Every structure is written in C-alpha cells, then in structure tokens.
PDB file of N, CA and C in Angstrom:
ATOM      1  N   MET A   1       1.014  -1.017  -0.178  1.00  0.00           N
ATOM      2  CA  MET A   1      -0.402   0.102   0.139  1.00  0.00           C
ATOM      3  C   MET A   1       0.917   0.924   0.115  1.00  0.00           C
ATOM      4  N   ARG A   2       0.900   1.770  -0.820  1.00  0.00           N
ATOM      5  CA  ARG A   2       1.529   3.416  -1.034  1.00  0.00           C
ATOM      6  C   ARG A   2       0.890   3.835   0.249  1.00  0.00           C
ATOM      7  N   TYR A   3       2.392   5.252   0.233  1.00  0.00           N
ATOM      8  CA  TYR A   3       1.416   6.205   0.993  1.00  0.00           C
ATOM      9  C   TYR A   3       0.926   7.300   0.652  1.00  0.00           C
ATOM     10  N   SER A   4      -0.117   7.615   1.813  1.00  0.00           N
ATOM     11  CA  SER A   4      -0.979   8.330   1.704  1.00  0.00           C
ATOM     12  C   SER A   4      -1.375   9.509   3.238  1.00  0.00           C
ATOM     13  N   HIS A   5      -1.352  10.636   2.791  1.00  0.00           N
ATOM     14  CA  HIS A   5      -1.412  11.612   3.995  1.00  0.00           C
ATOM     15  C   HIS A   5      -2.628  11.379   4.717  1.00  0.00           C
ATOM     16  N   GLN A   6      -3.520  11.448   3.534  1.00  0.00           N
ATOM     17  CA  GLN A   6      -5.066  11.569   4.218  1.00  0.00           C
ATOM     18  C   GLN A   6      -4.984  10.040   5.064  1.00  0.00           C
ATOM     19  N   ARG A   7      -4.530   8.863   4.370  1.00  0.00           N
ATOM     20  CA  ARG A   7      -4.703   7.879   5.660  1.00  0.00           C
ATOM     21  C   ARG A   7      -3.736   8.102   6.791  1.00  0.00           C
ATOM     22  N   GLU A   8      -2.737   8.668   6.624  1.00  0.00           N
ATOM     23  CA  GLU A   8      -2.062   8.739   8.016  1.00  0.00           C
ATOM     24  C   GLU A   8      -2.450   9.770   8.653  1.00  0.00           C
ATOM     25  N   ALA A   9      -3.327  10.918   8.646  1.00  0.00           N
ATOM     26  CA  ALA A   9      -4.001  11.356   9.037  1.00  0.00           C
ATOM     27  C   ALA A   9      -5.034  10.779  10.515  1.00  0.00           C
ATOM     28  N   ILE A  10      -5.824   9.935   8.977  1.00  0.00           N
ATOM     29  CA  ILE A  10      -6.880   8.981   9.444  1.00  0.00           C
ATOM     30  C   ILE A  10      -6.417   8.212  10.845  1.00  0.00           C
ATOM     31  N   LYS A  11      -5.148   7.143  10.572  1.00  0.00           N
ATOM     32  CA  LYS A  11      -5.109   6.373  10.907  1.00  0.00           C
ATOM     33  C   LYS A  11      -4.386   7.207  12.538  1.00  0.00           C
ATOM     34  N   LYS A  12      -3.749   8.645  12.715  1.00  0.00           N
ATOM     35  CA  LYS A  12      -3.277   9.339  13.530  1.00  0.00           C
ATOM     36  C   LYS A  12      -4.213   9.467  14.691  1.00  0.00           C
ATOM     37  N   THR A  13      -5.596   9.927  14.301  1.00  0.00           N
ATOM     38  CA  THR A  13      -6.552  10.318  14.568  1.00  0.00           C
ATOM     39  C   THR A  13      -7.038   9.440  15.828  1.00  0.00           C
ATOM     40  N   ILE A  14      -7.144   8.061  14.936  1.00  0.00           N
ATOM     41  CA  ILE A  14      -7.433   6.873  15.524  1.00  0.00           C
ATOM     42  C   ILE A  14      -6.466   6.522  16.981  1.00  0.00           C
ATOM     43  N   GLN A  15      -5.600   6.592  16.757  1.00  0.00           N
ATOM     44  CA  GLN A  15      -4.282   5.850  18.000  1.00  0.00           C
ATOM     45  C   GLN A  15      -4.356   6.946  18.522  1.00  0.00           C
ATOM     46  N   GLU A  16      -4.523   8.414  18.533  1.00  0.00           N
ATOM     47  CA  GLU A  16      -4.786   9.088  20.008  1.00  0.00           C
ATOM     48  C   GLU A  16      -6.230   9.010  20.300  1.00  0.00           C
ATOM     49  N   THR A  17      -6.583   8.141  20.244  1.00  0.00           N
ATOM     50  CA  THR A  17      -8.313   8.422  20.922  1.00  0.00           C
ATOM     51  C   THR A  17      -8.233   6.637  21.872  1.00  0.00           C
ATOM     52  N   ASN A  18      -8.984   7.120  22.970  1.00  0.00           N
ATOM     53  CA  ASN A  18      -9.146   5.898  23.122  1.00  0.00           C
ATOM     54  C   ASN A  18     -10.742   5.634  23.473  1.00  0.00           C
ATOM     55  N   CYS A  19     -11.576   6.187  22.729  1.00  0.00           N
ATOM     56  CA  CYS A  19     -12.866   5.763  22.497  1.00  0.00           C
ATOM     57  C   CYS A  19     -13.430   5.289  21.644  1.00  0.00           C
ATOM     58  N   HIS A  20     -13.023   4.436  20.831  1.00  0.00           N
ATOM     59  CA  HIS A  20     -13.086   3.588  19.633  1.00  0.00           C
ATOM     60  C   HIS A  20     -14.479   4.234  18.615  1.00  0.00           C
ATOM     61  N   PRO A  21     -13.738   4.754  18.322  1.00  0.00           N
ATOM     62  CA  PRO A  21     -14.663   6.016  17.247  1.00  0.00           C
ATOM     63  C   PRO A  21     -15.475   5.018  16.265  1.00  0.00           C
ATOM     64  N   THR A  22     -16.559   6.522  15.571  1.00  0.00           N
ATOM     65  CA  THR A  22     -17.253   5.919  14.717  1.00  0.00           C
ATOM     66  C   THR A  22     -16.457   6.376  13.056  1.00  0.00           C
ATOM     67  N   ALA A  23     -16.947   6.361  11.934  1.00  0.00           N
ATOM     68  CA  ALA A  23     -16.611   6.770  10.758  1.00  0.00           C
ATOM     69  C   ALA A  23     -16.521   8.222  11.087  1.00  0.00           C
ATOM     70  N   ASP A  24     -17.851   8.706  11.378  1.00  0.00           N
ATOM     71  CA  ASP A  24     -18.302  10.019  11.435  1.00  0.00           C
ATOM     72  C   ASP A  24     -17.482  11.290  12.517  1.00  0.00           C
ATOM     73  N   TRP A  25     -16.923  10.495  13.693  1.00  0.00           N
ATOM     74  CA  TRP A  25     -16.269  11.204  14.960  1.00  0.00           C
ATOM     75  C   TRP A  25     -14.613  10.902  13.924  1.00  0.00           C
ATOM     76  N   ILE A  26     -14.762  10.313  13.591  1.00  0.00           N
ATOM     77  CA  ILE A  26     -12.774  10.290  12.731  1.00  0.00           C
ATOM     78  C   ILE A  26     -12.851  11.323  12.095  1.00  0.00           C
ATOM     79  N   TYR A  27     -14.146  11.296  10.839  1.00  0.00           N
ATOM     80  CA  TYR A  27     -14.053  12.338   9.839  1.00  0.00           C
ATOM     81  C   TYR A  27     -13.823  13.640  10.315  1.00  0.00           C
ATOM     82  N   LYS A  28     -15.363  13.730  11.019  1.00  0.00           N
ATOM     83  CA  LYS A  28     -15.254  15.497  12.223  1.00  0.00           C
ATOM     84  C   LYS A  28     -13.809  15.874  12.493  1.00  0.00           C
ATOM     85  N   GLU A  29     -12.570  14.839  12.997  1.00  0.00           N
ATOM     86  CA  GLU A  29     -11.366  15.327  14.001  1.00  0.00           C
ATOM     87  C   GLU A  29     -10.931  15.316  12.928  1.00  0.00           C
ATOM     88  N   THR A  30     -10.633  14.429  12.015  1.00  0.00           N
ATOM     89  CA  THR A  30     -10.133  14.618  10.587  1.00  0.00           C
ATOM     90  C   THR A  30     -10.121  16.157   9.322  1.00  0.00           C
ATOM     91  N   ILE A  31     -11.326  16.551  10.031  1.00  0.00           N
ATOM     92  CA  ILE A  31     -11.555  17.465   9.153  1.00  0.00           C
ATOM     93  C   ILE A  31     -10.807  19.182   9.658  1.00  0.00           C
ATOM     94  N   LYS A  32     -10.899  18.770  10.673  1.00  0.00           N
ATOM     95  CA  LYS A  32      -9.544  19.878  11.621  1.00  0.00           C
ATOM     96  C   LYS A  32      -8.209  19.789  10.969  1.00  0.00           C
ATOM     97  N   ILE A  33      -8.080  18.447  10.507  1.00  0.00           N
ATOM     98  CA  ILE A  33      -6.300  18.564  10.053  1.00  0.00           C
ATOM     99  C   ILE A  33      -6.152  18.991   8.381  1.00  0.00           C
ATOM    100  N   ILE A  34      -7.225  17.939   7.867  1.00  0.00           N
ATOM    101  CA  ILE A  34      -7.266  18.261   6.120  1.00  0.00           C
ATOM    102  C   ILE A  34      -8.590  18.682   6.247  1.00  0.00           C
ATOM    103  N   PRO A  35      -8.903  20.083   5.870  1.00  0.00           N
ATOM    104  CA  PRO A  35     -10.499  20.351   5.444  1.00  0.00           C
ATOM    105  C   PRO A  35     -11.086  20.079   4.578  1.00  0.00           C
ATOM    106  N   ASN A  36     -10.469  19.614   3.574  1.00  0.00           N
ATOM    107  CA  ASN A  36     -11.484  19.402   2.190  1.00  0.00           C
ATOM    108  C   ASN A  36     -11.312  17.588   2.050  1.00  0.00           C
ATOM    109  N   ILE A  37     -11.124  16.605   3.486  1.00  0.00           N
ATOM    110  CA  ILE A  37     -11.267  15.610   3.226  1.00  0.00           C
ATOM    111  C   ILE A  37     -12.873  14.952   2.999  1.00  0.00           C
ATOM    112  N   SER A  38     -13.034  14.072   2.304  1.00  0.00           N
ATOM    113  CA  SER A  38     -14.553  13.707   1.771  1.00  0.00           C
ATOM    114  C   SER A  38     -14.759  13.116   3.537  1.00  0.00           C
ATOM    115  N   LEU A  39     -15.990  12.636   3.332  1.00  0.00           N
ATOM    116  CA  LEU A  39     -16.240  11.341   4.348  1.00  0.00           C
ATOM    117  C   LEU A  39     -15.932  10.205   3.671  1.00  0.00           C
ATOM    118  N   GLY A  40     -16.210  10.199   2.153  1.00  0.00           N
ATOM    119  CA  GLY A  40     -15.874   8.862   1.487  1.00  0.00           C
ATOM    120  C   GLY A  40     -14.915   8.206   1.365  1.00  0.00           C
ATOM    121  N   THR A  41     -13.597   9.728   1.813  1.00  0.00           N
ATOM    122  CA  THR A  41     -12.028   9.153   1.637  1.00  0.00           C
ATOM    123  C   THR A  41     -12.038   8.046   2.793  1.00  0.00           C
ATOM    124  N   VAL A  42     -12.758   9.081   4.041  1.00  0.00           N
ATOM    125  CA  VAL A  42     -11.874   8.464   5.159  1.00  0.00           C
ATOM    126  C   VAL A  42     -12.820   6.875   5.338  1.00  0.00           C
ATOM    127  N   TYR A  43     -14.043   6.920   5.017  1.00  0.00           N
ATOM    128  CA  TYR A  43     -14.502   5.107   4.495  1.00  0.00           C
ATOM    129  C   TYR A  43     -13.579   4.115   3.807  1.00  0.00           C
ATOM    130  N   ARG A  44     -13.266   4.660   3.057  1.00  0.00           N
ATOM    131  CA  ARG A  44     -12.315   4.674   1.889  1.00  0.00           C
ATOM    132  C   ARG A  44     -11.130   3.642   2.775  1.00  0.00           C
ATOM    133  N   ASN A  45     -10.421   4.660   3.590  1.00  0.00           N
ATOM    134  CA  ASN A  45      -9.268   4.247   4.379  1.00  0.00           C
ATOM    135  C   ASN A  45      -9.294   3.985   5.245  1.00  0.00           C
ATOM    136  N   LEU A  46     -10.375   4.376   6.035  1.00  0.00           N
ATOM    137  CA  LEU A  46     -10.633   2.728   7.225  1.00  0.00           C
ATOM    138  C   LEU A  46     -10.528   1.693   6.551  1.00  0.00           C
ATOM    139  N   LYS A  47     -11.082   1.599   5.386  1.00  0.00           N
ATOM    140  CA  LYS A  47     -10.806  -0.072   4.687  1.00  0.00           C
ATOM    141  C   LYS A  47      -9.153  -0.751   4.913  1.00  0.00           C
ATOM    142  N   CYS A  48      -8.875   0.491   4.033  1.00  0.00           N
ATOM    143  CA  CYS A  48      -7.752  -0.076   3.894  1.00  0.00           C
ATOM    144  C   CYS A  48      -6.340  -0.416   5.089  1.00  0.00           C
ATOM    145  N   LEU A  49      -6.896   0.261   6.298  1.00  0.00           N
ATOM    146  CA  LEU A  49      -6.469   0.216   8.052  1.00  0.00           C
ATOM    147  C   LEU A  49      -6.280  -0.832   8.023  1.00  0.00           C
ATOM    148  N   GLU A  50      -8.146  -1.305   8.060  1.00  0.00           N
ATOM    149  CA  GLU A  50      -8.644  -2.392   8.610  1.00  0.00           C
ATOM    150  C   GLU A  50      -7.822  -3.893   7.370  1.00  0.00           C
ATOM    151  N   GLU A  51      -7.438  -3.539   6.617  1.00  0.00           N
ATOM    152  CA  GLU A  51      -7.414  -5.169   5.867  1.00  0.00           C
ATOM    153  C   GLU A  51      -5.658  -4.339   5.694  1.00  0.00           C
ATOM    154  N   SER A  52      -4.564  -3.807   6.283  1.00  0.00           N
ATOM    155  CA  SER A  52      -3.305  -3.486   6.477  1.00  0.00           C
ATOM    156  C   SER A  52      -2.988  -4.038   7.682  1.00  0.00           C
ATOM    157  N   GLY A  53      -4.067  -4.119   8.606  1.00  0.00           N
ATOM    158  CA  GLY A  53      -4.189  -4.756  10.243  1.00  0.00           C
ATOM    159  C   GLY A  53      -3.620  -3.885  11.032  1.00  0.00           C
ATOM    160  N   ASP A  54      -3.975  -2.719  10.579  1.00  0.00           N
ATOM    161  CA  ASP A  54      -3.628  -1.070  11.135  1.00  0.00           C
ATOM    162  C   ASP A  54      -4.450  -0.709  11.992  1.00  0.00           C
ATOM    163  N   ILE A  55      -5.648  -1.186  12.197  1.00  0.00           N
ATOM    164  CA  ILE A  55      -6.761  -0.879  13.226  1.00  0.00           C
ATOM    165  C   ILE A  55      -7.352  -2.336  12.899  1.00  0.00           C
ATOM    166  N   LYS A  56      -8.710  -2.035  13.918  1.00  0.00           N
ATOM    167  CA  LYS A  56     -10.131  -3.059  14.343  1.00  0.00           C
ATOM    168  C   LYS A  56     -10.771  -2.667  13.963  1.00  0.00           C
ATOM    169  N   THR A  57     -11.404  -3.204  12.863  1.00  0.00           N
ATOM    170  CA  THR A  57     -12.933  -2.638  13.406  1.00  0.00           C
ATOM    171  C   THR A  57     -14.511  -4.039  14.634  1.00  0.00           C
ATOM    172  N   ILE A  58     -14.788  -2.939  15.067  1.00  0.00           N
ATOM    173  CA  ILE A  58     -15.848  -2.985  16.209  1.00  0.00           C
ATOM    174  C   ILE A  58     -17.141  -3.062  16.108  1.00  0.00           C
ATOM    175  N   TYR A  59     -17.572  -3.852  15.401  1.00  0.00           N
ATOM    176  CA  TYR A  59     -19.185  -3.638  14.976  1.00  0.00           C
ATOM    177  C   TYR A  59     -19.948  -3.942  16.696  1.00  0.00           C
ATOM    178  N   ASP A  60     -20.308  -3.004  17.222  1.00  0.00           N
ATOM    179  CA  ASP A  60     -21.642  -2.786  18.021  1.00  0.00           C
ATOM    180  C   ASP A  60     -22.532  -2.442  17.907  1.00  0.00           C
ATOM    181  N   GLY A  61     -23.983  -3.360  17.605  1.00  0.00           N
ATOM    182  CA  GLY A  61     -24.927  -3.462  17.352  1.00  0.00           C
ATOM    183  C   GLY A  61     -24.977  -3.170  15.582  1.00  0.00           C
ATOM    184  N   ASN A  62     -25.611  -2.743  15.201  1.00  0.00           N
ATOM    185  CA  ASN A  62     -25.461  -1.954  14.145  1.00  0.00           C
ATOM    186  C   ASN A  62     -24.272  -0.806  13.887  1.00  0.00           C
ATOM    187  N   ILE A  63     -23.471  -0.644  14.356  1.00  0.00           N
ATOM    188  CA  ILE A  63     -22.298   0.785  14.159  1.00  0.00           C
ATOM    189  C   ILE A  63     -21.484   0.568  14.014  1.00  0.00           C
ATOM    190  N   ALA A  64     -20.455   0.220  13.243  1.00  0.00           N
ATOM    191  CA  ALA A  64     -18.754   0.161  13.110  1.00  0.00           C
ATOM    192  C   ALA A  64     -17.799   1.364  14.203  1.00  0.00           C
ATOM    193  N   ARG A  65     -17.619   0.847  14.802  1.00  0.00           N
ATOM    194  CA  ARG A  65     -16.782   1.339  15.845  1.00  0.00           C
ATOM    195  C   ARG A  65     -14.890   1.277  15.278  1.00  0.00           C
ATOM    196  N   TYR A  66     -14.362   2.294  15.611  1.00  0.00           N
ATOM    197  CA  TYR A  66     -12.802   1.532  15.454  1.00  0.00           C
ATOM    198  C   TYR A  66     -11.746   1.731  16.452  1.00  0.00           C
ATOM    199  N   ASP A  67     -10.683   0.560  16.369  1.00  0.00           N
ATOM    200  CA  ASP A  67      -9.927   0.482  17.077  1.00  0.00           C
ATOM    201  C   ASP A  67      -8.246   0.446  17.130  1.00  0.00           C
ATOM    202  N   TRP A  68      -7.586   1.655  17.122  1.00  0.00           N
ATOM    203  CA  TRP A  68      -5.886   1.210  16.936  1.00  0.00           C
ATOM    204  C   TRP A  68      -5.378   0.054  18.194  1.00  0.00           C
ATOM    205  N   ASN A  69      -6.003  -1.293  19.330  1.00  0.00           N
ATOM    206  CA  ASN A  69      -5.286  -1.438  19.064  1.00  0.00           C
ATOM    207  C   ASN A  69      -5.879  -2.788  18.725  1.00  0.00           C
ATOM    208  N   THR A  70      -4.906  -3.603  18.429  1.00  0.00           N
ATOM    209  CA  THR A  70      -5.371  -4.898  17.652  1.00  0.00           C
ATOM    210  C   THR A  70      -4.669  -6.314  18.157  1.00  0.00           C
ATOM    211  N   GLU A  71      -4.167  -5.915  19.191  1.00  0.00           N
ATOM    212  CA  GLU A  71      -3.849  -7.290  19.787  1.00  0.00           C
ATOM    213  C   GLU A  71      -5.524  -7.563  20.859  1.00  0.00           C
ATOM    214  N   PRO A  72      -5.241  -8.988  20.589  1.00  0.00           N
ATOM    215  CA  PRO A  72      -6.826 -10.156  21.249  1.00  0.00           C
ATOM    216  C   PRO A  72      -6.955  -9.217  22.469  1.00  0.00           C
ATOM    217  N   HIS A  73      -8.386  -9.178  22.560  1.00  0.00           N
ATOM    218  CA  HIS A  73      -8.854  -8.587  23.859  1.00  0.00           C
ATOM    219  C   HIS A  73     -10.091  -8.051  23.571  1.00  0.00           C
ATOM    220  N   ASN A  74     -10.623  -7.741  25.040  1.00  0.00           N
ATOM    221  CA  ASN A  74     -12.392  -7.895  25.117  1.00  0.00           C
ATOM    222  C   ASN A  74     -12.452  -5.936  25.308  1.00  0.00           C
ATOM    223  N   HIS A  75     -13.642  -6.075  25.178  1.00  0.00           N
ATOM    224  CA  HIS A  75     -14.275  -4.999  25.704  1.00  0.00           C
ATOM    225  C   HIS A  75     -15.513  -4.272  27.069  1.00  0.00           C
ATOM    226  N   LEU A  76     -15.354  -3.907  27.917  1.00  0.00           N
ATOM    227  CA  LEU A  76     -16.568  -2.993  28.475  1.00  0.00           C
ATOM    228  C   LEU A  76     -17.085  -2.686  28.057  1.00  0.00           C
ATOM    229  N   LYS A  77     -18.498  -2.782  27.695  1.00  0.00           N
ATOM    230  CA  LYS A  77     -19.338  -1.371  27.602  1.00  0.00           C
ATOM    231  C   LYS A  77     -20.492  -1.011  28.363  1.00  0.00           C
ATOM    232  N   CYS A  78     -20.563   0.312  28.931  1.00  0.00           N
ATOM    233  CA  CYS A  78     -21.352   1.189  29.791  1.00  0.00           C
ATOM    234  C   CYS A  78     -22.778   1.220  28.767  1.00  0.00           C
ATOM    235  N   LYS A  79     -23.668   0.298  29.904  1.00  0.00           N
ATOM    236  CA  LYS A  79     -25.121   0.508  28.697  1.00  0.00           C
ATOM    237  C   LYS A  79     -25.669   2.325  29.145  1.00  0.00           C
ATOM    238  N   HIS A  80     -25.153   2.587  29.912  1.00  0.00           N
ATOM    239  CA  HIS A  80     -25.523   4.462  29.988  1.00  0.00           C
ATOM    240  C   HIS A  80     -25.106   5.028  29.134  1.00  0.00           C
ATOM    241  N   CYS A  81     -23.290   5.569  28.789  1.00  0.00           N
ATOM    242  CA  CYS A  81     -23.227   6.731  27.699  1.00  0.00           C
ATOM    243  C   CYS A  81     -22.093   5.797  26.620  1.00  0.00           C
ATOM    244  N   GLY A  82     -22.655   4.327  26.484  1.00  0.00           N
ATOM    245  CA  GLY A  82     -22.194   3.708  25.549  1.00  0.00           C
ATOM    246  C   GLY A  82     -20.505   3.364  25.699  1.00  0.00           C
ATOM    247  N   ASP A  83     -19.269   3.638  26.090  1.00  0.00           N
ATOM    248  CA  ASP A  83     -18.008   4.008  26.073  1.00  0.00           C
ATOM    249  C   ASP A  83     -18.056   2.361  25.882  1.00  0.00           C
ATOM    250  N   LEU A  84     -16.664   1.947  25.924  1.00  0.00           N
ATOM    251  CA  LEU A  84     -15.856   0.804  25.293  1.00  0.00           C
ATOM    252  C   LEU A  84     -14.869   0.398  25.670  1.00  0.00           C
ATOM    253  N   ILE A  85     -14.710   0.119  26.934  1.00  0.00           N
ATOM    254  CA  ILE A  85     -13.534  -0.048  27.172  1.00  0.00           C
ATOM    255  C   ILE A  85     -12.591  -1.546  27.605  1.00  0.00           C
ATOM    256  N   ASP A  86     -10.697  -0.915  26.708  1.00  0.00           N
ATOM    257  CA  ASP A  86     -10.209  -2.353  26.621  1.00  0.00           C
ATOM    258  C   ASP A  86     -10.111  -2.688  27.845  1.00  0.00           C
ATOM    259  N   ILE A  87     -10.027  -4.206  27.834  1.00  0.00           N
ATOM    260  CA  ILE A  87      -9.618  -4.996  29.482  1.00  0.00           C
ATOM    261  C   ILE A  87      -8.818  -6.777  28.107  1.00  0.00           C
ATOM    262  N   VAL A  88      -8.144  -7.206  29.332  1.00  0.00           N
ATOM    263  CA  VAL A  88      -7.583  -7.976  28.497  1.00  0.00           C
ATOM    264  C   VAL A  88      -7.852  -9.611  29.776  1.00  0.00           C
ATOM    265  N   LEU A  89      -8.580 -10.360  29.555  1.00  0.00           N
ATOM    266  CA  LEU A  89      -9.297 -11.096  29.952  1.00  0.00           C
ATOM    267  C   LEU A  89      -8.369 -12.562  29.921  1.00  0.00           C
ATOM    268  N   SER A  90      -7.215 -13.151  30.162  1.00  0.00           N
ATOM    269  CA  SER A  90      -6.432 -14.323  30.289  1.00  0.00           C
ATOM    270  C   SER A  90      -6.557 -15.299  30.292  1.00  0.00           C
ATOM    271  N   ASP A  91      -7.945 -15.811  30.808  1.00  0.00           N
ATOM    272  CA  ASP A  91      -8.654 -16.944  31.556  1.00  0.00           C
ATOM    273  C   ASP A  91      -8.976 -17.626  30.370  1.00  0.00           C
ATOM    274  N   GLU A  92      -8.504 -18.964  29.858  1.00  0.00           N
ATOM    275  CA  GLU A  92      -9.082 -19.826  28.229  1.00  0.00           C
ATOM    276  C   GLU A  92      -9.371 -20.971  29.040  1.00  0.00           C
ATOM    277  N   SER A  93     -10.327 -21.416  30.540  1.00  0.00           N
ATOM    278  CA  SER A  93     -10.844 -21.894  30.468  1.00  0.00           C
ATOM    279  C   SER A  93     -11.951 -22.649  29.416  1.00  0.00           C
ATOM    280  N   ILE A  94     -12.468 -21.552  29.019  1.00  0.00           N
ATOM    281  CA  ILE A  94     -13.923 -21.320  28.130  1.00  0.00           C
ATOM    282  C   ILE A  94     -13.901 -22.290  27.051  1.00  0.00           C
ATOM    283  N   HIS A  95     -11.579 -22.185  26.273  1.00  0.00           N
ATOM    284  CA  HIS A  95     -11.770 -23.069  25.140  1.00  0.00           C
ATOM    285  C   HIS A  95     -12.252 -24.271  25.403  1.00  0.00           C
ATOM    286  N   PRO A  96     -11.729 -25.623  26.817  1.00  0.00           N
ATOM    287  CA  PRO A  96     -11.821 -26.293  26.914  1.00  0.00           C
ATOM    288  C   PRO A  96     -13.794 -27.267  26.506  1.00  0.00           C
ATOM    289  N   GLN A  97     -13.717 -26.280  27.670  1.00  0.00           N
ATOM    290  CA  GLN A  97     -15.319 -25.888  27.924  1.00  0.00           C
ATOM    291  C   GLN A  97     -16.307 -26.242  26.716  1.00  0.00           C
ATOM    292  N   ILE A  98     -16.338 -25.285  25.583  1.00  0.00           N
ATOM    293  CA  ILE A  98     -16.982 -24.997  24.122  1.00  0.00           C
ATOM    294  C   ILE A  98     -16.486 -26.099  23.039  1.00  0.00           C
ATOM    295  N   LYS A  99     -15.292 -26.882  23.448  1.00  0.00           N
ATOM    296  CA  LYS A  99     -14.864 -27.916  22.812  1.00  0.00           C
ATOM    297  C   LYS A  99     -15.872 -28.946  22.739  1.00  0.00           C
ATOM    298  N   GLN A 100     -15.977 -29.635  24.473  1.00  0.00           N
ATOM    299  CA  GLN A 100     -16.868 -30.369  24.983  1.00  0.00           C
ATOM    300  C   GLN A 100     -18.270 -29.877  24.426  1.00  0.00           C
ATOM    301  N   ASP A 101     -18.683 -29.036  24.861  1.00  0.00           N
ATOM    302  CA  ASP A 101     -20.008 -28.491  24.614  1.00  0.00           C
ATOM    303  C   ASP A 101     -21.002 -28.779  23.513  1.00  0.00           C
ATOM    304  N   PHE A 102     -20.011 -28.448  22.177  1.00  0.00           N
ATOM    305  CA  PHE A 102     -19.968 -27.913  21.189  1.00  0.00           C
ATOM    306  C   PHE A 102     -19.304 -28.482  20.394  1.00  0.00           C
ATOM    307  N   LYS A 103     -18.190 -29.027  20.345  1.00  0.00           N
ATOM    308  CA  LYS A 103     -17.620 -29.583  19.314  1.00  0.00           C
ATOM    309  C   LYS A 103     -16.788 -28.970  18.202  1.00  0.00           C
ATOM    310  N   PHE A 104     -16.689 -27.776  19.041  1.00  0.00           N
ATOM    311  CA  PHE A 104     -16.082 -26.590  18.024  1.00  0.00           C
ATOM    312  C   PHE A 104     -14.603 -25.873  18.713  1.00  0.00           C
ATOM    313  N   ASP A 105     -13.696 -25.970  17.739  1.00  0.00           N
ATOM    314  CA  ASP A 105     -12.293 -25.679  18.675  1.00  0.00           C
ATOM    315  C   ASP A 105     -12.473 -24.126  17.958  1.00  0.00           C
ATOM    316  N   VAL A 106     -11.980 -23.472  19.565  1.00  0.00           N
ATOM    317  CA  VAL A 106     -11.816 -21.846  19.740  1.00  0.00           C
ATOM    318  C   VAL A 106     -10.205 -21.739  19.062  1.00  0.00           C
ATOM    319  N   ASP A 107      -9.989 -20.464  18.494  1.00  0.00           N
ATOM    320  CA  ASP A 107      -9.279 -19.762  18.234  1.00  0.00           C
ATOM    321  C   ASP A 107      -9.064 -18.562  19.106  1.00  0.00           C
ATOM    322  N   LEU A 108     -10.183 -17.740  19.108  1.00  0.00           N
ATOM    323  CA  LEU A 108      -9.806 -17.042  19.668  1.00  0.00           C
ATOM    324  C   LEU A 108     -11.136 -16.605  20.515  1.00  0.00           C
ATOM    325  N   VAL A 109     -11.561 -15.798  21.332  1.00  0.00           N
ATOM    326  CA  VAL A 109     -12.975 -15.490  21.921  1.00  0.00           C
ATOM    327  C   VAL A 109     -12.547 -14.062  22.563  1.00  0.00           C
ATOM    328  N   GLU A 110     -13.619 -13.105  21.770  1.00  0.00           N
ATOM    329  CA  GLU A 110     -13.633 -11.661  22.154  1.00  0.00           C
ATOM    330  C   GLU A 110     -15.095 -11.593  22.455  1.00  0.00           C
ATOM    331  N   MET A 111     -15.468 -10.842  23.622  1.00  0.00           N
ATOM    332  CA  MET A 111     -16.137 -10.749  24.173  1.00  0.00           C
ATOM    333  C   MET A 111     -16.336  -8.930  24.609  1.00  0.00           C
ATOM    334  N   THR A 112     -17.796  -8.682  24.961  1.00  0.00           N
ATOM    335  CA  THR A 112     -18.474  -7.371  25.095  1.00  0.00           C
ATOM    336  C   THR A 112     -19.347  -8.074  26.000  1.00  0.00           C
ATOM    337  N   ILE A 113     -19.028  -7.383  27.549  1.00  0.00           N
ATOM    338  CA  ILE A 113     -19.713  -7.391  28.830  1.00  0.00           C
ATOM    339  C   ILE A 113     -20.365  -5.583  28.978  1.00  0.00           C
ATOM    340  N   ILE A 114     -21.419  -6.189  29.314  1.00  0.00           N
ATOM    341  CA  ILE A 114     -22.193  -5.002  29.055  1.00  0.00           C
ATOM    342  C   ILE A 114     -22.410  -4.728  30.854  1.00  0.00           C
ATOM    343  N   GLY A 115     -22.695  -3.250  31.135  1.00  0.00           N
ATOM    344  CA  GLY A 115     -22.525  -3.195  32.760  1.00  0.00           C
ATOM    345  C   GLY A 115     -22.813  -1.402  32.509  1.00  0.00           C
ATOM    346  N   THR A 116     -22.348  -1.142  34.549  1.00  0.00           N
ATOM    347  CA  THR A 116     -22.250   0.447  34.452  1.00  0.00           C
ATOM    348  C   THR A 116     -20.961   0.444  34.601  1.00  0.00           C
ATOM    349  N   CYS A 117     -20.072   2.251  33.700  1.00  0.00           N
ATOM    350  CA  CYS A 117     -19.243   2.287  34.066  1.00  0.00           C
ATOM    351  C   CYS A 117     -19.027   2.939  35.639  1.00  0.00           C
ATOM    352  N   GLN A 118     -18.069   3.620  35.743  1.00  0.00           N
ATOM    353  CA  GLN A 118     -17.751   4.259  37.149  1.00  0.00           C
ATOM    354  C   GLN A 118     -18.705   5.532  37.145  1.00  0.00           C
ATOM    355  N   LYS A 119     -18.235   6.025  35.666  1.00  0.00           N
ATOM    356  CA  LYS A 119     -18.689   7.727  35.539  1.00  0.00           C
ATOM    357  C   LYS A 119     -20.312   7.577  36.074  1.00  0.00           C
ATOM    358  N   HIS A 120     -21.596   6.154  36.119  1.00  0.00           N
ATOM    359  CA  HIS A 120     -22.598   5.946  35.824  1.00  0.00           C
ATOM    360  C   HIS A 120     -23.106   5.474  36.897  1.00  0.00           C
ATOM    361  N   THR A 121     -22.016   4.833  38.779  1.00  0.00           N
ATOM    362  CA  THR A 121     -22.495   4.554  39.548  1.00  0.00           C
ATOM    363  C   THR A 121     -22.500   5.411  40.607  1.00  0.00           C
TER     364      THR A 121
END
C-alpha cells in the first residue's frame, strides 16, 4: 500500500483516542487537519487500514467502531453512556468447555461485557 497523507491523518486520529470512534467522529476530527477531506475518503481509508492490520473494526450493534489496539482483547460496554473500555481476560478455561459442549475448536474469544461504568455508579 503506498503512502497517503490522508490515511496517515486518519490513522493518527484513531491512535490518539481510546474512545473506539465511529467513522463520523473520525471524519469530524480529521477535517480539522485536512479541511477538504470527504467522508467517503475516510471510509475508504478505514477499510485500507483494517485490511493492512493497522486498526480493527468492532461492531457495536449496527455501528462500526474503530480500534487502534489490534492485539486480542475484550471490551466493557457501559449501558448508560456507550463507552467501550479495553480489557484483557487471560482465562482460557472457556476453550475446552466450548470444545466439549459444542464440538467446536476455539481460536480466539472476543467478548463485550455490558454493565455500568464508574461514571454512572
């Protein structure tokens, strides 16, 4: 993939946040750096960044969110504000249980645990 100033600006925007942004949010932030960038350009470059392994796409219901953290991890999701928080759960005891119960070989488990964040408790 050849270098693109727009792609680098989009990548930097994602890397500088921990909020798991949507394409619209990324567009609104990137337009501050590149005023003439289009939403279509943002979407195309998000796809390229995902294909190259620079970012991950997380589907939150029908909403695509983008994550700079490409290492295996899970998320906590606040049911009040919608925040997604990265966590790492290292317990792999679920793998043999799934193998036994469902005859399914597990490669990776990605979970979203829904509850209430500390801002709302």
